[in-house]
Amino acid sequence: MALSQSRYPLERYRDRLERTHQRCGACGAKDRDGSWTAETSGRRVRYRFVCPSCEAVDTRELFIS
């Protein structure tokens, strides 16, 4: 889904992560698929990326007030 088509702010943030954070911080591998996932637990949204090359995990968290 293109950025302009995302209706919700949290989807737009995930889209942004998928476009801008494609390189693994641990091994430097680039993932063009942008496989960030999101999960929520009430007031917190956690975005998670698992490197397909070395399986390192990168996370971003947003806290909703």
Protein backbone atom coordinates (compact mmCIF):
# COMPACT_ATOMS: atom_id res chain seq x y z
CA MET A 1 0.00 0.00 0.00
CA ALA A 2 1.43 3.37 -0.98
CA LEU A 3 1.89 6.05 1.62
CA SER A 4 -0.81 8.27 0.17
CA GLN A 5 -3.31 5.39 0.29
CA SER A 6 -2.82 4.62 4.02
CA ARG A 7 -5.76 5.87 5.99
CA TYR A 8 -4.43 5.47 9.50
CA PRO A 9 -1.41 7.19 11.09
CA LEU A 10 -0.01 3.90 12.42
CA GLU A 11 -0.12 2.37 8.93
CA ARG A 12 1.62 5.43 7.52
CA TYR A 13 4.38 5.05 10.14
CA ARG A 14 4.87 1.38 9.23
CA ASP A 15 4.97 2.35 5.55
CA ARG A 16 7.66 4.92 6.37
CA LEU A 17 9.71 2.33 8.26
CA GLU A 18 9.44 -0.05 5.32
CA ARG A 19 10.73 2.64 2.94
CA THR A 20 13.48 4.15 5.09
CA HIS A 21 14.80 1.34 7.33
CA GLN A 22 15.61 -1.48 4.94
CA ARG A 23 19.20 -2.15 6.03
CA CYS A 24 20.03 -4.39 9.00
CA GLY A 25 21.99 -2.56 11.69
CA ALA A 26 23.78 -5.77 12.69
CA CYS A 27 25.01 -7.25 9.41
CA GLY A 28 24.24 -4.52 6.86
CA ALA A 29 22.03 -6.73 4.68
CA LYS A 30 19.36 -4.87 2.75
CA ASP A 31 15.77 -6.14 2.78
CA ARG A 32 13.85 -4.62 -0.11
CA ASP A 33 10.61 -6.30 1.01
CA GLY A 34 10.46 -4.09 4.10
CA SER A 35 9.01 -6.71 6.40
CA TRP A 36 8.14 -4.62 9.47
CA THR A 37 5.32 -6.04 11.59
CA ALA A 38 3.24 -4.24 14.20
CA GLU A 39 1.58 -5.34 17.41
CA THR A 40 -0.26 -3.33 20.00
CA SER A 41 -1.04 -3.66 23.68
CA GLY A 42 -3.36 -0.81 24.46
CA ARG A 43 -1.31 2.37 24.61
CA ARG A 44 1.86 0.97 23.04
CA VAL A 45 2.52 -0.01 19.42
CA ARG A 46 5.67 -2.01 18.75
CA TYR A 47 7.07 -2.27 15.22
CA ARG A 48 9.47 -5.15 14.68
CA PHE A 49 11.87 -6.07 11.90
CA VAL A 50 13.70 -9.42 11.74
CA CYS A 51 16.65 -9.47 9.36
CA PRO A 52 16.20 -12.27 6.81
CA SER A 53 19.98 -12.72 6.65
CA CYS A 54 21.18 -12.83 10.28
CA GLU A 55 17.85 -12.80 12.19
CA ALA A 56 18.79 -9.70 14.22
CA VAL A 57 15.73 -7.89 15.58
CA ASP A 58 15.14 -4.15 15.34
CA THR A 59 12.20 -2.54 17.13
CA ARG A 60 10.50 0.83 17.35
CA GLU A 61 7.87 1.66 19.95
CA LEU A 62 5.24 4.36 19.97
CA PHE A 63 3.33 5.26 23.10
CA ILE A 64 -0.15 6.63 22.58
CA SER A 65 -1.53 9.04 25.13
